[in-house]
Amino acid sequence: MKRIGTLSKLKPGAADAYIKLHDEIWQGVVDAGHEANMRNFSIFRIGDYLFSYYEYIGDDFEADMAKKSALPISIEWQKATGEFREIMDGENRFIEIEEIWHHDF
């Protein structure tokens, strides 16, 4: 399993609309993520910042993400969510993150 994350920033005044969009997530987006072997997807808000995290359980990350990214539903979702956020490094890109500590209490 890979742990994947990204950091982004909400545009001024965009928090409520961004949250509402996710409260009403399109079923096709959920299905596309599942088909791409994405699990346990979470978005955390810290003020104007967003930390997104998911676990990848497949065998070919690049191929699964390329296939998902090419789907019309994924393109539309990225367009819709992109209106409300800025990617910190200028790229809309998830990266593998290093776990430095974990414990199941």
PDB file of N, CA and C in Angstrom:
ATOM      1  N   MET A   1       0.842  -1.182   0.000  1.00  0.00           N
ATOM      2  CA  MET A   1       0.000   0.000   0.000  1.00  0.00           C
ATOM      3  C   MET A   1       0.883   1.240   0.000  1.00  0.00           C
ATOM      4  N   LYS A   2       0.479   2.224  -0.783  1.00  0.00           N
ATOM      5  CA  LYS A   2       1.138   3.526  -0.793  1.00  0.00           C
ATOM      6  C   LYS A   2       0.217   4.540  -0.134  1.00  0.00           C
ATOM      7  N   ARG A   3       0.810   5.465   0.583  1.00  0.00           N
ATOM      8  CA  ARG A   3       0.057   6.586   1.146  1.00  0.00           C
ATOM      9  C   ARG A   3       0.370   7.809   0.301  1.00  0.00           C
ATOM     10  N   ILE A   4      -0.679   8.466  -0.154  1.00  0.00           N
ATOM     11  CA  ILE A   4      -0.537   9.569  -1.100  1.00  0.00           C
ATOM     12  C   ILE A   4      -1.167  10.819  -0.496  1.00  0.00           C
ATOM     13  N   GLY A   5      -0.523  11.973  -0.680  1.00  0.00           N
ATOM     14  CA  GLY A   5      -1.070  13.205  -0.136  1.00  0.00           C
ATOM     15  C   GLY A   5      -0.736  14.415  -0.976  1.00  0.00           C
ATOM     16  N   THR A   6      -1.450  15.483  -0.733  1.00  0.00           N
ATOM     17  CA  THR A   6      -1.161  16.765  -1.365  1.00  0.00           C
ATOM     18  C   THR A   6      -1.610  17.885  -0.431  1.00  0.00           C
ATOM     19  N   LEU A   7      -0.987  19.016  -0.600  1.00  0.00           N
ATOM     20  CA  LEU A   7      -1.340  20.200   0.168  1.00  0.00           C
ATOM     21  C   LEU A   7      -1.813  21.263  -0.804  1.00  0.00           C
ATOM     22  N   SER A   8      -2.921  21.882  -0.495  1.00  0.00           N
ATOM     23  CA  SER A   8      -3.434  22.961  -1.336  1.00  0.00           C
ATOM     24  C   SER A   8      -4.012  24.047  -0.439  1.00  0.00           C
ATOM     25  N   LYS A   9      -4.374  25.142  -1.050  1.00  0.00           N
ATOM     26  CA  LYS A   9      -4.904  26.278  -0.303  1.00  0.00           C
ATOM     27  C   LYS A   9      -6.237  26.686  -0.909  1.00  0.00           C
ATOM     28  N   LEU A  10      -7.201  26.940  -0.051  1.00  0.00           N
ATOM     29  CA  LEU A  10      -8.492  27.436  -0.513  1.00  0.00           C
ATOM     30  C   LEU A  10      -8.355  28.878  -0.968  1.00  0.00           C
ATOM     31  N   LYS A  11      -9.058  29.205  -2.016  1.00  0.00           N
ATOM     32  CA  LYS A  11      -9.118  30.599  -2.440  1.00  0.00           C
ATOM     33  C   LYS A  11      -9.964  31.370  -1.423  1.00  0.00           C
ATOM     34  N   PRO A  12      -9.738  32.663  -1.282  1.00  0.00           N
ATOM     35  CA  PRO A  12     -10.508  33.454  -0.314  1.00  0.00           C
ATOM     36  C   PRO A  12     -12.016  33.304  -0.527  1.00  0.00           C
ATOM     37  N   GLY A  13     -12.725  33.021   0.550  1.00  0.00           N
ATOM     38  CA  GLY A  13     -14.177  32.904   0.503  1.00  0.00           C
ATOM     39  C   GLY A  13     -14.709  31.627  -0.112  1.00  0.00           C
ATOM     40  N   ALA A  14     -13.843  30.651  -0.393  1.00  0.00           N
ATOM     41  CA  ALA A  14     -14.259  29.453  -1.115  1.00  0.00           C
ATOM     42  C   ALA A  14     -14.600  28.266  -0.221  1.00  0.00           C
ATOM     43  N   ALA A  15     -14.343  28.358   1.058  1.00  0.00           N
ATOM     44  CA  ALA A  15     -14.476  27.190   1.935  1.00  0.00           C
ATOM     45  C   ALA A  15     -15.873  26.579   1.906  1.00  0.00           C
ATOM     46  N   ASP A  16     -16.904  27.377   2.084  1.00  0.00           N
ATOM     47  CA  ASP A  16     -18.263  26.831   2.148  1.00  0.00           C
ATOM     48  C   ASP A  16     -18.654  26.122   0.856  1.00  0.00           C
ATOM     49  N   ALA A  17     -18.340  26.721  -0.275  1.00  0.00           N
ATOM     50  CA  ALA A  17     -18.687  26.109  -1.562  1.00  0.00           C
ATOM     51  C   ALA A  17     -17.893  24.824  -1.795  1.00  0.00           C
ATOM     52  N   TYR A  18     -16.638  24.818  -1.398  1.00  0.00           N
ATOM     53  CA  TYR A  18     -15.792  23.632  -1.551  1.00  0.00           C
ATOM     54  C   TYR A  18     -16.329  22.483  -0.692  1.00  0.00           C
ATOM     55  N   ILE A  19     -16.685  22.793   0.530  1.00  0.00           N
ATOM     56  CA  ILE A  19     -17.235  21.776   1.427  1.00  0.00           C
ATOM     57  C   ILE A  19     -18.572  21.262   0.903  1.00  0.00           C
ATOM     58  N   LYS A  20     -19.428  22.154   0.431  1.00  0.00           N
ATOM     59  CA  LYS A  20     -20.730  21.755  -0.123  1.00  0.00           C
ATOM     60  C   LYS A  20     -20.551  20.828  -1.318  1.00  0.00           C
ATOM     61  N   LEU A  21     -19.602  21.144  -2.179  1.00  0.00           N
ATOM     62  CA  LEU A  21     -19.344  20.298  -3.345  1.00  0.00           C
ATOM     63  C   LEU A  21     -18.982  18.881  -2.899  1.00  0.00           C
ATOM     64  N   HIS A  22     -18.168  18.764  -1.866  1.00  0.00           N
ATOM     65  CA  HIS A  22     -17.788  17.441  -1.383  1.00  0.00           C
ATOM     66  C   HIS A  22     -18.916  16.760  -0.604  1.00  0.00           C
ATOM     67  N   ASP A  23     -19.776  17.536   0.030  1.00  0.00           N
ATOM     68  CA  ASP A  23     -20.944  16.950   0.690  1.00  0.00           C
ATOM     69  C   ASP A  23     -21.878  16.297  -0.324  1.00  0.00           C
ATOM     70  N   GLU A  24     -21.809  16.759  -1.561  1.00  0.00           N
ATOM     71  CA  GLU A  24     -22.667  16.255  -2.636  1.00  0.00           C
ATOM     72  C   GLU A  24     -21.829  15.601  -3.730  1.00  0.00           C
ATOM     73  N   ILE A  25     -20.761  14.891  -3.333  1.00  0.00           N
ATOM     74  CA  ILE A  25     -19.832  14.304  -4.300  1.00  0.00           C
ATOM     75  C   ILE A  25     -20.582  13.439  -5.309  1.00  0.00           C
ATOM     76  N   TRP A  26     -20.172  13.539  -6.537  1.00  0.00           N
ATOM     77  CA  TRP A  26     -20.807  12.795  -7.617  1.00  0.00           C
ATOM     78  C   TRP A  26     -20.438  11.314  -7.501  1.00  0.00           C
ATOM     79  N   GLN A  27     -21.424  10.452  -7.689  1.00  0.00           N
ATOM     80  CA  GLN A  27     -21.185   9.012  -7.572  1.00  0.00           C
ATOM     81  C   GLN A  27     -20.129   8.544  -8.567  1.00  0.00           C
ATOM     82  N   GLY A  28     -20.085   9.144  -9.738  1.00  0.00           N
ATOM     83  CA  GLY A  28     -19.077   8.765 -10.727  1.00  0.00           C
ATOM     84  C   GLY A  28     -17.660   9.026 -10.258  1.00  0.00           C
ATOM     85  N   VAL A  29     -17.472  10.055  -9.444  1.00  0.00           N
ATOM     86  CA  VAL A  29     -16.154  10.358  -8.879  1.00  0.00           C
ATOM     87  C   VAL A  29     -15.767   9.275  -7.872  1.00  0.00           C
ATOM     88  N   VAL A  30     -16.714   8.881  -7.042  1.00  0.00           N
ATOM     89  CA  VAL A  30     -16.472   7.809  -6.077  1.00  0.00           C
ATOM     90  C   VAL A  30     -16.119   6.520  -6.810  1.00  0.00           C
ATOM     91  N   ASP A  31     -16.899   6.189  -7.832  1.00  0.00           N
ATOM     92  CA  ASP A  31     -16.658   4.967  -8.598  1.00  0.00           C
ATOM     93  C   ASP A  31     -15.291   4.993  -9.275  1.00  0.00           C
ATOM     94  N   ALA A  32     -14.917   6.135  -9.847  1.00  0.00           N
ATOM     95  CA  ALA A  32     -13.621   6.257 -10.531  1.00  0.00           C
ATOM     96  C   ALA A  32     -12.472   6.060  -9.551  1.00  0.00           C
ATOM     97  N   GLY A  33     -12.576   6.631  -8.364  1.00  0.00           N
ATOM     98  CA  GLY A  33     -11.536   6.448  -7.357  1.00  0.00           C
ATOM     99  C   GLY A  33     -11.412   5.000  -6.925  1.00  0.00           C
ATOM    100  N   HIS A  34     -12.544   4.351  -6.741  1.00  0.00           N
ATOM    101  CA  HIS A  34     -12.519   2.948  -6.342  1.00  0.00           C
ATOM    102  C   HIS A  34     -11.889   2.092  -7.432  1.00  0.00           C
ATOM    103  N   GLU A  35     -12.274   2.323  -8.672  1.00  0.00           N
ATOM    104  CA  GLU A  35     -11.701   1.576  -9.798  1.00  0.00           C
ATOM    105  C   GLU A  35     -10.201   1.807  -9.934  1.00  0.00           C
ATOM    106  N   ALA A  36      -9.728   2.966  -9.499  1.00  0.00           N
ATOM    107  CA  ALA A  36      -8.302   3.302  -9.576  1.00  0.00           C
ATOM    108  C   ALA A  36      -7.540   2.825  -8.332  1.00  0.00           C
ATOM    109  N   ASN A  37      -8.180   1.988  -7.530  1.00  0.00           N
ATOM    110  CA  ASN A  37      -7.544   1.404  -6.344  1.00  0.00           C
ATOM    111  C   ASN A  37      -7.229   2.418  -5.251  1.00  0.00           C
ATOM    112  N   MET A  38      -8.018   3.469  -5.185  1.00  0.00           N
ATOM    113  CA  MET A  38      -7.877   4.478  -4.132  1.00  0.00           C
ATOM    114  C   MET A  38      -8.821   4.112  -2.987  1.00  0.00           C
ATOM    115  N   ARG A  39      -8.308   4.191  -1.764  1.00  0.00           N
ATOM    116  CA  ARG A  39      -9.117   3.885  -0.586  1.00  0.00           C
ATOM    117  C   ARG A  39      -8.835   4.924   0.499  1.00  0.00           C
ATOM    118  N   ASN A  40      -9.754   5.011   1.444  1.00  0.00           N
ATOM    119  CA  ASN A  40      -9.573   5.840   2.638  1.00  0.00           C
ATOM    120  C   ASN A  40      -9.185   7.279   2.285  1.00  0.00           C
ATOM    121  N   PHE A  41      -9.900   7.865   1.350  1.00  0.00           N
ATOM    122  CA  PHE A  41      -9.605   9.240   0.920  1.00  0.00           C
ATOM    123  C   PHE A  41     -10.187  10.215   1.938  1.00  0.00           C
ATOM    124  N   SER A  42      -9.350  11.104   2.424  1.00  0.00           N
ATOM    125  CA  SER A  42      -9.773  12.111   3.397  1.00  0.00           C
ATOM    126  C   SER A  42      -9.205  13.461   3.007  1.00  0.00           C
ATOM    127  N   ILE A  43      -9.957  14.513   3.309  1.00  0.00           N
ATOM    128  CA  ILE A  43      -9.467  15.883   3.151  1.00  0.00           C
ATOM    129  C   ILE A  43      -9.610  16.553   4.508  1.00  0.00           C
ATOM    130  N   PHE A  44      -8.530  17.143   4.969  1.00  0.00           N
ATOM    131  CA  PHE A  44      -8.506  17.840   6.252  1.00  0.00           C
ATOM    132  C   PHE A  44      -8.330  19.327   5.991  1.00  0.00           C
ATOM    133  N   ARG A  45      -9.060  20.137   6.745  1.00  0.00           N
ATOM    134  CA  ARG A  45      -8.948  21.591   6.608  1.00  0.00           C
ATOM    135  C   ARG A  45      -8.262  22.171   7.834  1.00  0.00           C
ATOM    136  N   ILE A  46      -7.274  23.000   7.581  1.00  0.00           N
ATOM    137  CA  ILE A  46      -6.574  23.737   8.631  1.00  0.00           C
ATOM    138  C   ILE A  46      -6.600  25.193   8.187  1.00  0.00           C
ATOM    139  N   GLY A  47      -7.579  25.953   8.660  1.00  0.00           N
ATOM    140  CA  GLY A  47      -7.742  27.326   8.194  1.00  0.00           C
ATOM    141  C   GLY A  47      -8.046  27.341   6.704  1.00  0.00           C
ATOM    142  N   ASP A  48      -7.200  28.007   5.935  1.00  0.00           N
ATOM    143  CA  ASP A  48      -7.374  28.064   4.480  1.00  0.00           C
ATOM    144  C   ASP A  48      -6.639  26.948   3.752  1.00  0.00           C
ATOM    145  N   TYR A  49      -6.003  26.056   4.482  1.00  0.00           N
ATOM    146  CA  TYR A  49      -5.211  24.991   3.869  1.00  0.00           C
ATOM    147  C   TYR A  49      -5.954  23.669   3.892  1.00  0.00           C
ATOM    148  N   LEU A  50      -5.706  22.869   2.870  1.00  0.00           N
ATOM    149  CA  LEU A  50      -6.297  21.545   2.754  1.00  0.00           C
ATOM    150  C   LEU A  50      -5.184  20.514   2.643  1.00  0.00           C
ATOM    151  N   PHE A  51      -5.289  19.459   3.412  1.00  0.00           N
ATOM    152  CA  PHE A  51      -4.398  18.321   3.252  1.00  0.00           C
ATOM    153  C   PHE A  51      -5.259  17.154   2.821  1.00  0.00           C
ATOM    154  N   SER A  52      -4.973  16.614   1.647  1.00  0.00           N
ATOM    155  CA  SER A  52      -5.721  15.478   1.117  1.00  0.00           C
ATOM    156  C   SER A  52      -4.856  14.230   1.217  1.00  0.00           C
ATOM    157  N   TYR A  53      -5.494  13.126   1.560  1.00  0.00           N
ATOM    158  CA  TYR A  53      -4.773  11.884   1.807  1.00  0.00           C
ATOM    159  C   TYR A  53      -5.607  10.714   1.299  1.00  0.00           C
ATOM    160  N   TYR A  54      -4.933   9.750   0.664  1.00  0.00           N
ATOM    161  CA  TYR A  54      -5.590   8.486   0.367  1.00  0.00           C
ATOM    162  C   TYR A  54      -4.564   7.369   0.339  1.00  0.00           C
ATOM    163  N   GLU A  55      -5.069   6.158   0.360  1.00  0.00           N
ATOM    164  CA  GLU A  55      -4.222   4.979   0.299  1.00  0.00           C
ATOM    165  C   GLU A  55      -4.443   4.307  -1.046  1.00  0.00           C
ATOM    166  N   TYR A  56      -3.350   3.937  -1.688  1.00  0.00           N
ATOM    167  CA  TYR A  56      -3.397   3.268  -2.985  1.00  0.00           C
ATOM    168  C   TYR A  56      -3.068   1.798  -2.771  1.00  0.00           C
ATOM    169  N   ILE A  57      -3.963   0.909  -3.226  1.00  0.00           N
ATOM    170  CA  ILE A  57      -3.786  -0.520  -2.981  1.00  0.00           C
ATOM    171  C   ILE A  57      -3.482  -1.317  -4.247  1.00  0.00           C
ATOM    172  N   GLY A  58      -3.323  -0.656  -5.379  1.00  0.00           N
ATOM    173  CA  GLY A  58      -3.086  -1.359  -6.631  1.00  0.00           C
ATOM    174  C   GLY A  58      -1.630  -1.710  -6.857  1.00  0.00           C
ATOM    175  N   ASP A  59      -1.358  -2.181  -8.088  1.00  0.00           N
ATOM    176  CA  ASP A  59      -0.013  -2.605  -8.465  1.00  0.00           C
ATOM    177  C   ASP A  59       0.671  -1.659  -9.440  1.00  0.00           C
ATOM    178  N   ASP A  60      -0.093  -0.792 -10.107  1.00  0.00           N
ATOM    179  CA  ASP A  60       0.493   0.110 -11.108  1.00  0.00           C
ATOM    180  C   ASP A  60      -0.094   1.509 -10.922  1.00  0.00           C
ATOM    181  N   PHE A  61       0.492   2.247  -9.999  1.00  0.00           N
ATOM    182  CA  PHE A  61      -0.009   3.562  -9.625  1.00  0.00           C
ATOM    183  C   PHE A  61      -0.117   4.495 -10.828  1.00  0.00           C
ATOM    184  N   GLU A  62       0.944   4.596 -11.608  1.00  0.00           N
ATOM    185  CA  GLU A  62       0.951   5.521 -12.747  1.00  0.00           C
ATOM    186  C   GLU A  62      -0.161   5.193 -13.735  1.00  0.00           C
ATOM    187  N   ALA A  63      -0.338   3.924 -14.056  1.00  0.00           N
ATOM    188  CA  ALA A  63      -1.373   3.523 -15.014  1.00  0.00           C
ATOM    189  C   ALA A  63      -2.773   3.780 -14.459  1.00  0.00           C
ATOM    190  N   ASP A  64      -2.989   3.440 -13.195  1.00  0.00           N
ATOM    191  CA  ASP A  64      -4.309   3.654 -12.597  1.00  0.00           C
ATOM    192  C   ASP A  64      -4.667   5.138 -12.543  1.00  0.00           C
ATOM    193  N   MET A  65      -3.701   5.977 -12.180  1.00  0.00           N
ATOM    194  CA  MET A  65      -3.978   7.414 -12.096  1.00  0.00           C
ATOM    195  C   MET A  65      -4.170   8.026 -13.486  1.00  0.00           C
ATOM    196  N   ALA A  66      -3.413   7.558 -14.466  1.00  0.00           N
ATOM    197  CA  ALA A  66      -3.577   8.061 -15.835  1.00  0.00           C
ATOM    198  C   ALA A  66      -4.959   7.701 -16.372  1.00  0.00           C
ATOM    199  N   LYS A  67      -5.379   6.472 -16.122  1.00  0.00           N
ATOM    200  CA  LYS A  67      -6.698   6.031 -16.584  1.00  0.00           C
ATOM    201  C   LYS A  67      -7.804   6.852 -15.917  1.00  0.00           C
ATOM    202  N   LYS A  68      -7.697   7.035 -14.595  1.00  0.00           N
ATOM    203  CA  LYS A  68      -8.711   7.804 -13.870  1.00  0.00           C
ATOM    204  C   LYS A  68      -8.728   9.260 -14.323  1.00  0.00           C
ATOM    205  N   SER A  69      -7.558   9.840 -14.490  1.00  0.00           N
ATOM    206  CA  SER A  69      -7.457  11.254 -14.873  1.00  0.00           C
ATOM    207  C   SER A  69      -8.038  11.533 -16.251  1.00  0.00           C
ATOM    208  N   ALA A  70      -8.059  10.524 -17.108  1.00  0.00           N
ATOM    209  CA  ALA A  70      -8.575  10.695 -18.465  1.00  0.00           C
ATOM    210  C   ALA A  70     -10.094  10.562 -18.548  1.00  0.00           C
ATOM    211  N   LEU A  71     -10.720  10.089 -17.498  1.00  0.00           N
ATOM    212  CA  LEU A  71     -12.174   9.921 -17.513  1.00  0.00           C
ATOM    213  C   LEU A  71     -12.873  11.282 -17.518  1.00  0.00           C
ATOM    214  N   PRO A  72     -13.919  11.440 -18.332  1.00  0.00           N
ATOM    215  CA  PRO A  72     -14.650  12.714 -18.357  1.00  0.00           C
ATOM    216  C   PRO A  72     -15.134  13.162 -16.976  1.00  0.00           C
ATOM    217  N   ILE A  73     -15.585  12.224 -16.141  1.00  0.00           N
ATOM    218  CA  ILE A  73     -16.069  12.596 -14.807  1.00  0.00           C
ATOM    219  C   ILE A  73     -14.936  13.166 -13.966  1.00  0.00           C
ATOM    220  N   SER A  74     -13.736  12.614 -14.097  1.00  0.00           N
ATOM    221  CA  SER A  74     -12.583  13.118 -13.340  1.00  0.00           C
ATOM    222  C   SER A  74     -12.169  14.498 -13.820  1.00  0.00           C
ATOM    223  N   ILE A  75     -12.213  14.696 -15.118  1.00  0.00           N
ATOM    224  CA  ILE A  75     -11.869  16.003 -15.690  1.00  0.00           C
ATOM    225  C   ILE A  75     -12.849  17.062 -15.194  1.00  0.00           C
ATOM    226  N   GLU A  76     -14.136  16.732 -15.200  1.00  0.00           N
ATOM    227  CA  GLU A  76     -15.154  17.675 -14.725  1.00  0.00           C
ATOM    228  C   GLU A  76     -15.007  17.953 -13.227  1.00  0.00           C
ATOM    229  N   TRP A  77     -14.704  16.915 -12.454  1.00  0.00           N
ATOM    230  CA  TRP A  77     -14.541  17.096 -11.011  1.00  0.00           C
ATOM    231  C   TRP A  77     -13.336  17.991 -10.707  1.00  0.00           C
ATOM    232  N   GLN A  78     -12.235  17.764 -11.402  1.00  0.00           N
ATOM    233  CA  GLN A  78     -11.050  18.604 -11.192  1.00  0.00           C
ATOM    234  C   GLN A  78     -11.336  20.056 -11.558  1.00  0.00           C
ATOM    235  N   LYS A  79     -12.110  20.234 -12.609  1.00  0.00           N
ATOM    236  CA  LYS A  79     -12.495  21.594 -13.004  1.00  0.00           C
ATOM    237  C   LYS A  79     -13.368  22.235 -11.917  1.00  0.00           C
ATOM    238  N   ALA A  80     -14.329  21.480 -11.414  1.00  0.00           N
ATOM    239  CA  ALA A  80     -15.244  22.002 -10.394  1.00  0.00           C
ATOM    240  C   ALA A  80     -14.511  22.330  -9.097  1.00  0.00           C
ATOM    241  N   THR A  81     -13.665  21.426  -8.626  1.00  0.00           N
ATOM    242  CA  THR A  81     -12.954  21.672  -7.369  1.00  0.00           C
ATOM    243  C   THR A  81     -11.840  22.692  -7.548  1.00  0.00           C
ATOM    244  N   GLY A  82     -11.277  22.745  -8.729  1.00  0.00           N
ATOM    245  CA  GLY A  82     -10.182  23.674  -9.001  1.00  0.00           C
ATOM    246  C   GLY A  82     -10.584  25.132  -8.907  1.00  0.00           C
ATOM    247  N   GLU A  83     -11.865  25.404  -9.041  1.00  0.00           N
ATOM    248  CA  GLU A  83     -12.349  26.779  -8.909  1.00  0.00           C
ATOM    249  C   GLU A  83     -12.168  27.313  -7.490  1.00  0.00           C
ATOM    250  N   PHE A  84     -12.012  26.418  -6.527  1.00  0.00           N
ATOM    251  CA  PHE A  84     -11.997  26.811  -5.124  1.00  0.00           C
ATOM    252  C   PHE A  84     -10.638  26.700  -4.441  1.00  0.00           C
ATOM    253  N   ARG A  85      -9.649  26.124  -5.118  1.00  0.00           N
ATOM    254  CA  ARG A  85      -8.382  25.880  -4.432  1.00  0.00           C
ATOM    255  C   ARG A  85      -7.181  26.194  -5.310  1.00  0.00           C
ATOM    256  N   GLU A  86      -6.059  26.386  -4.631  1.00  0.00           N
ATOM    257  CA  GLU A  86      -4.776  26.598  -5.285  1.00  0.00           C
ATOM    258  C   GLU A  86      -3.844  25.482  -4.826  1.00  0.00           C
ATOM    259  N   ILE A  87      -3.081  24.910  -5.739  1.00  0.00           N
ATOM    260  CA  ILE A  87      -2.102  23.898  -5.360  1.00  0.00           C
ATOM    261  C   ILE A  87      -0.840  24.617  -4.903  1.00  0.00           C
ATOM    262  N   MET A  88      -0.281  24.205  -3.803  1.00  0.00           N
ATOM    263  CA  MET A  88       0.830  24.924  -3.196  1.00  0.00           C
ATOM    264  C   MET A  88       2.051  25.059  -4.100  1.00  0.00           C
ATOM    265  N   ASP A  89       2.400  24.008  -4.826  1.00  0.00           N
ATOM    266  CA  ASP A  89       3.598  24.076  -5.652  1.00  0.00           C
ATOM    267  C   ASP A  89       3.290  24.399  -7.108  1.00  0.00           C
ATOM    268  N   GLY A  90       2.057  24.789  -7.382  1.00  0.00           N
ATOM    269  CA  GLY A  90       1.674  25.140  -8.739  1.00  0.00           C
ATOM    270  C   GLY A  90       1.264  23.956  -9.588  1.00  0.00           C
ATOM    271  N   GLU A  91       1.339  22.760  -9.051  1.00  0.00           N
ATOM    272  CA  GLU A  91       0.961  21.570  -9.799  1.00  0.00           C
ATOM    273  C   GLU A  91      -0.185  20.865  -9.083  1.00  0.00           C
ATOM    274  N   ASN A  92      -1.136  20.371  -9.849  1.00  0.00           N
ATOM    275  CA  ASN A  92      -2.221  19.577  -9.284  1.00  0.00           C
ATOM    276  C   ASN A  92      -1.730  18.138  -9.242  1.00  0.00           C
ATOM    277  N   ARG A  93      -1.000  17.796  -8.201  1.00  0.00           N
ATOM    278  CA  ARG A  93      -0.303  16.529  -8.179  1.00  0.00           C
ATOM    279  C   ARG A  93      -0.283  15.943  -6.769  1.00  0.00           C
ATOM    280  N   PHE A  94      -0.630  14.676  -6.684  1.00  0.00           N
ATOM    281  CA  PHE A  94      -0.509  13.942  -5.437  1.00  0.00           C
ATOM    282  C   PHE A  94       0.849  13.261  -5.421  1.00  0.00           C
ATOM    283  N   ILE A  95       1.480  13.209  -4.258  1.00  0.00           N
ATOM    284  CA  ILE A  95       2.784  12.569  -4.136  1.00  0.00           C
ATOM    285  C   ILE A  95       2.741  11.526  -3.030  1.00  0.00           C
ATOM    286  N   GLU A  96       3.608  10.531  -3.154  1.00  0.00           N
ATOM    287  CA  GLU A  96       3.708   9.542  -2.097  1.00  0.00           C
ATOM    288  C   GLU A  96       4.342  10.213  -0.882  1.00  0.00           C
ATOM    289  N   ILE A  97       3.753   9.977   0.278  1.00  0.00           N
ATOM    290  CA  ILE A  97       4.265  10.598   1.493  1.00  0.00           C
ATOM    291  C   ILE A  97       4.874   9.526   2.391  1.00  0.00           C
ATOM    292  N   GLU A  98       5.888   9.925   3.119  1.00  0.00           N
ATOM    293  CA  GLU A  98       6.603   9.001   3.987  1.00  0.00           C
ATOM    294  C   GLU A  98       5.965   8.982   5.373  1.00  0.00           C
ATOM    295  N   GLU A  99       5.598   7.813   5.797  1.00  0.00           N
ATOM    296  CA  GLU A  99       5.089   7.665   7.157  1.00  0.00           C
ATOM    297  C   GLU A  99       6.282   7.561   8.092  1.00  0.00           C
ATOM    298  N   ILE A 100       6.344   8.446   9.060  1.00  0.00           N
ATOM    299  CA  ILE A 100       7.458   8.392   9.998  1.00  0.00           C
ATOM    300  C   ILE A 100       7.062   7.760  11.330  1.00  0.00           C
ATOM    301  N   TRP A 101       5.769   7.641  11.577  1.00  0.00           N
ATOM    302  CA  TRP A 101       5.325   6.989  12.795  1.00  0.00           C
ATOM    303  C   TRP A 101       3.865   6.613  12.660  1.00  0.00           C
ATOM    304  N   HIS A 102       3.526   5.459  13.163  1.00  0.00           N
ATOM    305  CA  HIS A 102       2.141   4.993  13.154  1.00  0.00           C
ATOM    306  C   HIS A 102       1.950   4.050  14.336  1.00  0.00           C
ATOM    307  N   HIS A 103       0.817   4.154  14.973  1.00  0.00           N
ATOM    308  CA  HIS A 103       0.468   3.206  16.027  1.00  0.00           C
ATOM    309  C   HIS A 103      -1.044   3.079  16.076  1.00  0.00           C
ATOM    310  N   ASP A 104      -1.539   1.863  16.115  1.00  0.00           N
ATOM    311  CA  ASP A 104      -2.972   1.617  16.273  1.00  0.00           C
ATOM    312  C   ASP A 104      -3.273   1.498  17.762  1.00  0.00           C
ATOM    313  N   PHE A 105      -3.629   2.600  18.376  1.00  0.00           N
ATOM    314  CA  PHE A 105      -3.923   2.599  19.808  1.00  0.00           C
ATOM    315  C   PHE A 105      -5.181   1.815  20.091  1.00  0.00           C
TER     316      PHE A 105
END
